[in-house]
């Protein structure tokens, strides 16, 4: 089992690496050329810029049982289909029970934006979100055989 991180815009890269090291798990950071991620205890794969270029490389690498950290619902759905366990930066574990409603919400928001509507942006990241992520990843790592 390895941890793959969709690192473009991911606020929990360092926390994930720290926890993975404690559990002796491999971490692979994936980003495009507009971001630079070089971290100790992690391997970085940098791909060309392009719509969803990181997502396609990641989904081609992921294997059953891997953990994937992403805030992209579409990528999470593809990882679920491959038997991986996707987790978002706020500690939400994507499952077959919640992914459809998340994808529908994303589609609805896109329709509103395409029609000229505006949606409220994300609020500033909180300590509670960091803690929820840490707790969820710790739990997943503790329940996974070495």
Protein backbone atom coordinates (compact mmCIF):
# COMPACT_ATOMS: atom_id res chain seq x y z
CA UNK A 1 0.00 0.00 0.00
CA UNK A 2 1.25 3.43 -0.91
CA UNK A 3 -0.06 6.96 -0.50
CA UNK A 4 -0.50 9.03 -3.64
CA UNK A 5 -1.05 12.76 -3.22
CA UNK A 6 -2.72 14.96 -5.83
CA UNK A 7 -0.52 17.79 -4.62
CA UNK A 8 -1.62 20.74 -6.76
CA UNK A 9 -3.31 22.98 -4.20
CA UNK A 10 -3.15 20.37 -1.43
CA UNK A 11 -2.68 21.92 2.04
CA UNK A 12 -1.88 18.64 3.86
CA UNK A 13 1.17 17.32 2.00
CA UNK A 14 3.52 17.69 4.97
CA UNK A 15 1.06 16.14 7.44
CA UNK A 16 0.51 13.16 5.13
CA UNK A 17 4.25 12.58 4.73
CA UNK A 18 4.81 12.77 8.49
CA UNK A 19 2.08 10.22 9.21
CA UNK A 20 3.19 7.94 6.37
CA UNK A 21 6.72 7.91 7.74
CA UNK A 22 5.42 6.88 11.17
CA UNK A 23 3.61 3.95 9.52
CA UNK A 24 6.46 3.17 7.11
CA UNK A 25 4.35 3.78 4.00
CA UNK A 26 5.62 5.01 0.65
CA UNK A 27 4.45 8.48 -0.42
CA UNK A 28 4.28 9.63 -4.03
CA UNK A 29 3.55 13.30 -4.68
CA UNK A 30 2.11 14.12 -8.09
CA UNK A 31 2.06 17.69 -9.40
CA UNK A 32 2.36 19.59 -12.65
CA UNK A 33 5.18 21.87 -13.79
CA UNK A 34 3.54 24.97 -12.30
CA UNK A 35 4.22 23.61 -8.79
CA UNK A 36 7.42 22.49 -7.14
CA UNK A 37 7.19 19.76 -4.50
CA UNK A 38 10.38 18.26 -3.20
CA UNK A 39 9.93 16.72 0.22
CA UNK A 40 12.07 14.40 2.27
CA UNK A 41 10.54 10.92 2.69
CA UNK A 42 8.49 11.25 -0.50
CA UNK A 43 9.02 10.70 -4.21
CA UNK A 44 7.80 13.44 -6.53
CA UNK A 45 6.47 12.91 -10.02
CA UNK A 46 6.08 16.11 -12.03
CA UNK A 47 3.97 15.98 -15.18
CA UNK A 48 3.36 18.48 -17.96
CA UNK A 49 0.75 21.15 -17.42
CA UNK A 50 -2.61 20.34 -18.88
CA UNK A 51 -6.21 19.82 -17.96
CA UNK A 52 -6.30 16.85 -15.58
CA UNK A 53 -2.77 15.71 -16.52
CA UNK A 54 -1.91 14.89 -12.89
CA UNK A 55 -5.22 13.07 -12.45
CA UNK A 56 -4.62 10.76 -15.41
CA UNK A 57 -1.09 9.86 -14.33
CA UNK A 58 -2.29 9.21 -10.78
CA UNK A 59 -5.24 7.04 -11.79
CA UNK A 60 -2.96 4.98 -14.04
CA UNK A 61 -0.56 4.40 -11.12
CA UNK A 62 -3.04 3.68 -8.34
CA UNK A 63 -3.64 0.11 -7.26
CA UNK A 64 -6.22 -1.61 -5.13
CA UNK A 65 -5.71 -0.74 -1.45
CA UNK A 66 -3.68 2.43 -2.07
CA UNK A 67 -4.62 5.66 -0.29
CA UNK A 68 -5.17 8.72 -2.48
CA UNK A 69 -5.30 12.24 -1.08
CA UNK A 70 -7.27 14.55 -3.37
CA UNK A 71 -9.94 17.20 -3.29
CA UNK A 72 -11.06 16.31 -6.82
CA UNK A 73 -14.34 14.38 -6.78
CA UNK A 74 -13.82 13.06 -10.31
CA UNK A 75 -10.39 11.67 -9.46
CA UNK A 76 -11.79 10.21 -6.24
CA UNK A 77 -14.50 8.40 -8.23
CA UNK A 78 -11.92 6.90 -10.61
CA UNK A 79 -9.76 5.79 -7.67
CA UNK A 80 -12.76 4.17 -5.96
CA UNK A 81 -13.44 2.24 -9.17
CA UNK A 82 -9.89 0.86 -8.98
CA UNK A 83 -10.30 -0.24 -5.35
CA UNK A 84 -8.28 2.57 -3.79
CA UNK A 85 -9.29 4.60 -0.73
CA UNK A 86 -9.55 8.31 -1.56
CA UNK A 87 -9.45 10.91 1.24
CA UNK A 88 -9.87 14.65 1.00
CA UNK A 89 -7.86 17.32 2.78
CA UNK A 90 -10.60 17.80 5.39
CA UNK A 91 -10.74 14.16 6.45
CA UNK A 92 -13.69 13.05 4.31
CA UNK A 93 -13.22 9.48 3.11
CA UNK A 94 -14.83 9.17 -0.31
CA UNK A 95 -16.98 6.04 -0.58
CA UNK A 96 -19.40 4.49 -3.03
CA UNK A 97 -22.14 5.78 -0.70
CA UNK A 98 -21.17 9.47 -0.93
CA UNK A 99 -19.41 9.95 -4.28
CA UNK A 100 -22.55 10.23 -6.42
CA UNK A 101 -24.00 13.09 -4.37
CA UNK A 102 -20.61 14.88 -4.38
CA UNK A 103 -20.35 14.55 -8.17
CA UNK A 104 -23.91 15.84 -8.55
CA UNK A 105 -23.12 18.86 -6.37
CA UNK A 106 -20.01 19.56 -8.48
CA UNK A 107 -22.06 19.30 -11.68
CA UNK A 108 -24.76 21.61 -10.31
CA UNK A 109 -22.16 24.20 -9.24
CA UNK A 110 -20.59 24.10 -12.70
CA UNK A 111 -23.98 24.68 -14.32
CA UNK A 112 -24.55 27.72 -12.07
CA UNK A 113 -21.10 29.14 -12.94
CA UNK A 114 -21.60 28.49 -16.66
CA UNK A 115 -24.90 30.38 -16.50
CA UNK A 116 -23.08 33.40 -15.04
CA UNK A 117 -23.91 32.70 -11.43
CA UNK A 118 -21.46 33.05 -8.60
CA UNK A 119 -20.82 30.74 -5.69
CA UNK A 120 -19.16 31.51 -2.42
CA UNK A 121 -15.49 30.50 -2.37
CA UNK A 122 -13.84 28.30 0.20
CA UNK A 123 -13.39 29.65 3.70
CA UNK A 124 -9.94 29.96 5.25
CA UNK A 125 -8.55 26.60 6.36
CA UNK A 126 -9.10 25.87 10.04
CA UNK A 127 -7.21 23.91 12.70
CA UNK A 128 -10.28 21.68 12.97
CA UNK A 129 -9.94 20.70 9.30
CA UNK A 130 -6.26 19.89 9.81
CA UNK A 131 -7.13 17.77 12.84
CA UNK A 132 -9.95 15.96 11.00
CA UNK A 133 -7.55 15.10 8.17
CA UNK A 134 -4.87 13.88 10.56
CA UNK A 135 -7.38 11.74 12.48
CA UNK A 136 -8.84 10.20 9.31
CA UNK A 137 -5.44 9.40 7.78
CA UNK A 138 -4.13 8.03 11.08
CA UNK A 139 -7.17 5.79 11.35
CA UNK A 140 -6.79 4.52 7.78
CA UNK A 141 -3.09 3.85 8.26
CA UNK A 142 -3.65 2.09 11.59
CA UNK A 143 -6.31 -0.19 10.10
CA UNK A 144 -4.13 -1.20 7.15
CA UNK A 145 -1.79 -4.17 7.52
CA UNK A 146 1.91 -3.32 7.17
